[in-house]
Amino acid sequence: MDIMDAQEADLPSIQSIYAHHVLTGTGTFEDVPPSLEEIEARFTAKRQAGFAWLVARDASGVLGFGYYGPFRDRSAYRFTVEDSVYVRDGVRGQGVGKALVAALLERAKEAGFKQMLALIGDSENTASIGMHASLGFQHSGTMRKTGYKFDRWLDVVIMQKGL
């Protein structure tokens, strides 16, 4: 498996992976999968702003993707970023997400950021919580019943790592 900067040619695979998570999971609170055009717009905006957007790939193609972006728009938060990572169905639990987040941490540190946050949808998402903890993220709090998806209320777990 190789971790590298995402390219425009990766965007159809990224859109497919993310659409699966939107439709079947609680790691994202989006209800409708964004179109390829919307994924392209998000990718372009983050990259033009200087944020990392990475893919993990092997001979079978894109295994997963991850990126970081601004935590909030206000100037006071300019040294803090938030990560997002999604792995292709069928290869979860094989270290793809961990490798992506580890690479994002290094990129963010090199870029001068001081904190990375993970806002993990669903407090029952033990895989993401455990993966982030294994990379040194600390539990910073839980926002109770913040999202509503699949006819149930969902928590958001906040994890944080100093860079």
C-alpha atoms as a PDB file:
ATOM      1  CA  MET A   1       0.000   0.000   0.000  1.00  0.00           C
ATOM      2  CA  ASP A   2       1.233   3.471  -0.892  1.00  0.00           C
ATOM      3  CA  ILE A   3       0.047   6.785   0.549  1.00  0.00           C
ATOM      4  CA  MET A   4       0.203   9.698  -1.869  1.00  0.00           C
ATOM      5  CA  ASP A   5      -1.392  12.998  -2.776  1.00  0.00           C
ATOM      6  CA  ALA A   6      -4.813  12.498  -4.306  1.00  0.00           C
ATOM      7  CA  GLN A   7      -5.140  13.399  -7.963  1.00  0.00           C
ATOM      8  CA  GLU A   8      -8.181  14.368 -10.003  1.00  0.00           C
ATOM      9  CA  ALA A   9      -8.156  10.875 -11.538  1.00  0.00           C
ATOM     10  CA  ASP A  10      -8.797   9.479  -8.018  1.00  0.00           C
ATOM     11  CA  LEU A  11     -11.970  11.492  -7.502  1.00  0.00           C
ATOM     12  CA  PRO A  12     -14.436   8.934  -8.968  1.00  0.00           C
ATOM     13  CA  SER A  13     -13.079   6.307  -6.554  1.00  0.00           C
ATOM     14  CA  ILE A  14     -13.168   8.801  -3.683  1.00  0.00           C
ATOM     15  CA  GLN A  15     -16.758   9.717  -4.521  1.00  0.00           C
ATOM     16  CA  SER A  16     -17.733   6.029  -4.600  1.00  0.00           C
ATOM     17  CA  ILE A  17     -16.071   5.263  -1.250  1.00  0.00           C
ATOM     18  CA  TYR A  18     -17.656   8.282   0.382  1.00  0.00           C
ATOM     19  CA  ALA A  19     -21.097   7.568  -1.115  1.00  0.00           C
ATOM     20  CA  HIS A  20     -21.009   4.130   0.492  1.00  0.00           C
ATOM     21  CA  HIS A  21     -20.278   5.679   3.903  1.00  0.00           C
ATOM     22  CA  VAL A  22     -23.009   8.299   3.474  1.00  0.00           C
ATOM     23  CA  LEU A  23     -25.604   5.660   2.593  1.00  0.00           C
ATOM     24  CA  THR A  24     -24.627   2.967   5.095  1.00  0.00           C
ATOM     25  CA  GLY A  25     -22.696   4.503   7.974  1.00  0.00           C
ATOM     26  CA  THR A  26     -22.814   7.029  10.755  1.00  0.00           C
ATOM     27  CA  GLY A  27     -19.215   8.239  10.413  1.00  0.00           C
ATOM     28  CA  THR A  28     -20.580  11.107   8.345  1.00  0.00           C
ATOM     29  CA  PHE A  29     -23.810  12.918   9.004  1.00  0.00           C
ATOM     30  CA  GLU A  30     -24.455  13.665   5.344  1.00  0.00           C
ATOM     31  CA  ASP A  31     -27.674  12.011   4.123  1.00  0.00           C
ATOM     32  CA  VAL A  32     -27.226  12.269   0.369  1.00  0.00           C
ATOM     33  CA  PRO A  33     -23.955  11.329  -1.323  1.00  0.00           C
ATOM     34  CA  PRO A  34     -22.351  14.351  -2.960  1.00  0.00           C
ATOM     35  CA  SER A  35     -21.999  14.225  -6.719  1.00  0.00           C
ATOM     36  CA  LEU A  36     -18.652  13.823  -8.398  1.00  0.00           C
ATOM     37  CA  GLU A  37     -18.798  17.534  -9.227  1.00  0.00           C
ATOM     38  CA  GLU A  38     -19.268  18.383  -5.545  1.00  0.00           C
ATOM     39  CA  ILE A  39     -16.362  16.121  -4.550  1.00  0.00           C
ATOM     40  CA  GLU A  40     -14.235  17.875  -7.197  1.00  0.00           C
ATOM     41  CA  ALA A  41     -15.198  21.276  -5.760  1.00  0.00           C
ATOM     42  CA  ARG A  42     -14.325  20.192  -2.197  1.00  0.00           C
ATOM     43  CA  PHE A  43     -11.027  18.685  -3.343  1.00  0.00           C
ATOM     44  CA  THR A  44     -10.070  21.785  -5.321  1.00  0.00           C
ATOM     45  CA  ALA A  45     -10.985  24.191  -2.511  1.00  0.00           C
ATOM     46  CA  LYS A  46      -8.987  22.290   0.122  1.00  0.00           C
ATOM     47  CA  ARG A  47      -5.961  21.866  -2.117  1.00  0.00           C
ATOM     48  CA  GLN A  48      -5.970  25.511  -3.217  1.00  0.00           C
ATOM     49  CA  ALA A  49      -6.086  26.522   0.454  1.00  0.00           C
ATOM     50  CA  GLY A  50      -2.956  24.422   1.071  1.00  0.00           C
ATOM     51  CA  PHE A  51      -4.540  21.503   2.919  1.00  0.00           C
ATOM     52  CA  ALA A  52      -3.557  17.868   2.364  1.00  0.00           C
ATOM     53  CA  TRP A  53      -5.832  15.384   0.588  1.00  0.00           C
ATOM     54  CA  LEU A  54      -4.317  11.891   0.405  1.00  0.00           C
ATOM     55  CA  VAL A  55      -5.187   8.466  -0.977  1.00  0.00           C
ATOM     56  CA  ALA A  56      -4.043   4.991  -0.052  1.00  0.00           C
ATOM     57  CA  ARG A  57      -3.695   2.713  -3.028  1.00  0.00           C
ATOM     58  CA  ASP A  58      -2.459  -0.673  -4.059  1.00  0.00           C
ATOM     59  CA  ALA A  59      -2.714  -2.695  -7.275  1.00  0.00           C
ATOM     60  CA  SER A  60      -6.510  -2.905  -6.830  1.00  0.00           C
ATOM     61  CA  GLY A  61      -6.881   0.902  -6.840  1.00  0.00           C
ATOM     62  CA  VAL A  62      -7.862   3.450  -4.195  1.00  0.00           C
ATOM     63  CA  LEU A  63      -8.274   1.793  -0.793  1.00  0.00           C
ATOM     64  CA  GLY A  64      -9.245   4.920   1.077  1.00  0.00           C
ATOM     65  CA  PHE A  65      -8.776   8.645   1.329  1.00  0.00           C
ATOM     66  CA  GLY A  66      -8.221  11.227   3.995  1.00  0.00           C
ATOM     67  CA  TYR A  67      -7.797  14.945   4.256  1.00  0.00           C
ATOM     68  CA  TYR A  68      -7.551  17.720   6.758  1.00  0.00           C
ATOM     69  CA  GLY A  69      -9.065  21.132   6.586  1.00  0.00           C
ATOM     70  CA  PRO A  70      -9.807  24.093   8.795  1.00  0.00           C
ATOM     71  CA  PHE A  71     -11.532  23.341  12.079  1.00  0.00           C
ATOM     72  CA  ARG A  72     -13.365  26.672  11.941  1.00  0.00           C
ATOM     73  CA  ASP A  73     -13.110  29.750   9.745  1.00  0.00           C
ATOM     74  CA  ARG A  74     -12.253  32.274  12.464  1.00  0.00           C
ATOM     75  CA  SER A  75      -8.657  33.444  12.638  1.00  0.00           C
ATOM     76  CA  ALA A  76      -8.146  32.199  16.197  1.00  0.00           C
ATOM     77  CA  TYR A  77      -8.459  28.606  14.892  1.00  0.00           C
ATOM     78  CA  ARG A  78      -5.923  29.016  12.078  1.00  0.00           C
ATOM     79  CA  PHE A  79      -3.424  26.611  13.673  1.00  0.00           C
ATOM     80  CA  THR A  80      -5.997  23.846  14.225  1.00  0.00           C
ATOM     81  CA  VAL A  81      -7.169  21.381  11.592  1.00  0.00           C
ATOM     82  CA  GLU A  82      -9.765  18.631  11.501  1.00  0.00           C
ATOM     83  CA  ASP A  83      -9.177  15.272   9.836  1.00  0.00           C
ATOM     84  CA  SER A  84     -11.550  13.078   7.851  1.00  0.00           C
ATOM     85  CA  VAL A  85     -10.798   9.559   6.654  1.00  0.00           C
ATOM     86  CA  TYR A  86     -12.854   6.966   4.786  1.00  0.00           C
ATOM     87  CA  VAL A  87     -11.851   3.452   3.744  1.00  0.00           C
ATOM     88  CA  ARG A  88     -13.247   1.311   0.939  1.00  0.00           C
ATOM     89  CA  ASP A  89     -15.714  -1.345   2.019  1.00  0.00           C
ATOM     90  CA  GLY A  90     -14.001  -4.719   2.192  1.00  0.00           C
ATOM     91  CA  VAL A  91     -10.609  -3.401   3.312  1.00  0.00           C
ATOM     92  CA  ARG A  92     -11.580  -1.798   6.602  1.00  0.00           C
ATOM     93  CA  GLY A  93      -9.674  -3.031   9.642  1.00  0.00           C
ATOM     94  CA  GLN A  94      -6.481  -3.608   7.655  1.00  0.00           C
ATOM     95  CA  GLY A  95      -4.588  -0.460   8.654  1.00  0.00           C
ATOM     96  CA  VAL A  96      -5.573   1.739   5.717  1.00  0.00           C
ATOM     97  CA  GLY A  97      -7.240   4.419   7.851  1.00  0.00           C
ATOM     98  CA  LYS A  98      -4.408   4.434  10.367  1.00  0.00           C
ATOM     99  CA  ALA A  99      -1.812   4.866   7.623  1.00  0.00           C
ATOM    100  CA  LEU A 100      -3.773   7.756   6.139  1.00  0.00           C
ATOM    101  CA  VAL A 101      -4.197   9.561   9.465  1.00  0.00           C
ATOM    102  CA  ALA A 102      -0.517   9.033  10.332  1.00  0.00           C
ATOM    103  CA  ALA A 103       0.429  10.654   7.018  1.00  0.00           C
ATOM    104  CA  LEU A 104      -2.033  13.506   7.605  1.00  0.00           C
ATOM    105  CA  LEU A 105      -0.517  14.142  11.043  1.00  0.00           C
ATOM    106  CA  GLU A 106       2.949  14.422   9.524  1.00  0.00           C
ATOM    107  CA  ARG A 107       1.757  16.733   6.752  1.00  0.00           C
ATOM    108  CA  ALA A 108      -0.096  18.980   9.196  1.00  0.00           C
ATOM    109  CA  LYS A 109       2.921  19.195  11.486  1.00  0.00           C
ATOM    110  CA  GLU A 110       5.196  20.056   8.538  1.00  0.00           C
ATOM    111  CA  ALA A 111       2.721  22.759   7.493  1.00  0.00           C
ATOM    112  CA  GLY A 112       2.967  24.410  10.913  1.00  0.00           C
ATOM    113  CA  PHE A 113      -0.361  23.406  12.414  1.00  0.00           C
ATOM    114  CA  LYS A 114      -0.416  22.866  16.193  1.00  0.00           C
ATOM    115  CA  GLN A 115      -3.520  20.736  16.793  1.00  0.00           C
ATOM    116  CA  MET A 116      -5.500  18.140  14.891  1.00  0.00           C
ATOM    117  CA  LEU A 117      -9.056  17.321  15.862  1.00  0.00           C
ATOM    118  CA  ALA A 118     -11.133  14.304  14.932  1.00  0.00           C
ATOM    119  CA  LEU A 119     -14.887  14.785  15.218  1.00  0.00           C
ATOM    120  CA  ILE A 120     -16.076  11.201  15.046  1.00  0.00           C
ATOM    121  CA  GLY A 121     -19.696  10.637  14.173  1.00  0.00           C
ATOM    122  CA  ASP A 122     -21.376   8.115  16.476  1.00  0.00           C
ATOM    123  CA  SER A 123     -19.918   7.228  19.854  1.00  0.00           C
ATOM    124  CA  GLU A 124     -20.385   3.569  18.853  1.00  0.00           C
ATOM    125  CA  ASN A 125     -17.768   4.009  16.092  1.00  0.00           C
ATOM    126  CA  THR A 126     -15.196   2.152  18.172  1.00  0.00           C
ATOM    127  CA  ALA A 127     -12.965   1.401  15.167  1.00  0.00           C
ATOM    128  CA  SER A 128     -12.351   5.089  14.413  1.00  0.00           C
ATOM    129  CA  ILE A 129     -12.077   5.999  18.089  1.00  0.00           C
ATOM    130  CA  GLY A 130      -9.555   3.206  18.673  1.00  0.00           C
ATOM    131  CA  MET A 131      -7.557   4.018  15.565  1.00  0.00           C
ATOM    132  CA  HIS A 132      -7.251   7.679  16.532  1.00  0.00           C
ATOM    133  CA  ALA A 133      -6.302   6.718  20.114  1.00  0.00           C
ATOM    134  CA  SER A 134      -3.587   4.396  18.778  1.00  0.00           C
ATOM    135  CA  LEU A 135      -2.048   7.437  17.052  1.00  0.00           C
ATOM    136  CA  GLY A 136      -2.006   9.492  20.242  1.00  0.00           C
ATOM    137  CA  PHE A 137      -5.319  11.333  19.996  1.00  0.00           C
ATOM    138  CA  GLN A 138      -6.919  12.007  23.371  1.00  0.00           C
ATOM    139  CA  HIS A 139     -10.634  12.077  24.084  1.00  0.00           C
ATOM    140  CA  SER A 140     -11.593  15.748  24.509  1.00  0.00           C
ATOM    141  CA  GLY A 141     -15.327  15.386  24.906  1.00  0.00           C
ATOM    142  CA  THR A 142     -18.564  13.993  23.591  1.00  0.00           C
ATOM    143  CA  MET A 143     -21.355  16.072  22.162  1.00  0.00           C
ATOM    144  CA  ARG A 144     -24.483  14.090  23.035  1.00  0.00           C
ATOM    145  CA  LYS A 145     -27.287  13.549  20.532  1.00  0.00           C
ATOM    146  CA  THR A 146     -25.871  16.121  18.126  1.00  0.00           C
ATOM    147  CA  GLY A 147     -26.805  14.418  14.846  1.00  0.00           C
ATOM    148  CA  TYR A 148     -29.855  12.526  13.644  1.00  0.00           C
ATOM    149  CA  LYS A 149     -29.463   9.825  11.019  1.00  0.00           C
ATOM    150  CA  PHE A 150     -31.080   6.460  10.312  1.00  0.00           C
ATOM    151  CA  ASP A 151     -33.915   7.303  12.711  1.00  0.00           C
ATOM    152  CA  ARG A 152     -31.694   7.694  15.752  1.00  0.00           C
ATOM    153  CA  TRP A 153     -29.787  10.352  17.630  1.00  0.00           C
ATOM    154  CA  LEU A 154     -26.016  10.199  17.354  1.00  0.00           C
ATOM    155  CA  ASP A 155     -23.222  11.536  19.499  1.00  0.00           C
ATOM    156  CA  VAL A 156     -20.044  13.169  18.196  1.00  0.00           C
ATOM    157  CA  VAL A 157     -16.808  12.141  19.895  1.00  0.00           C
ATOM    158  CA  ILE A 158     -14.112  14.821  19.913  1.00  0.00           C
ATOM    159  CA  MET A 159     -10.508  13.633  19.916  1.00  0.00           C
ATOM    160  CA  GLN A 160      -7.448  15.869  19.794  1.00  0.00           C
ATOM    161  CA  LYS A 161      -3.721  15.518  19.196  1.00  0.00           C
ATOM    162  CA  GLY A 162      -1.066  18.167  19.652  1.00  0.00           C
ATOM    163  CA  LEU A 163       1.358  18.391  16.752  1.00  0.00           C
END
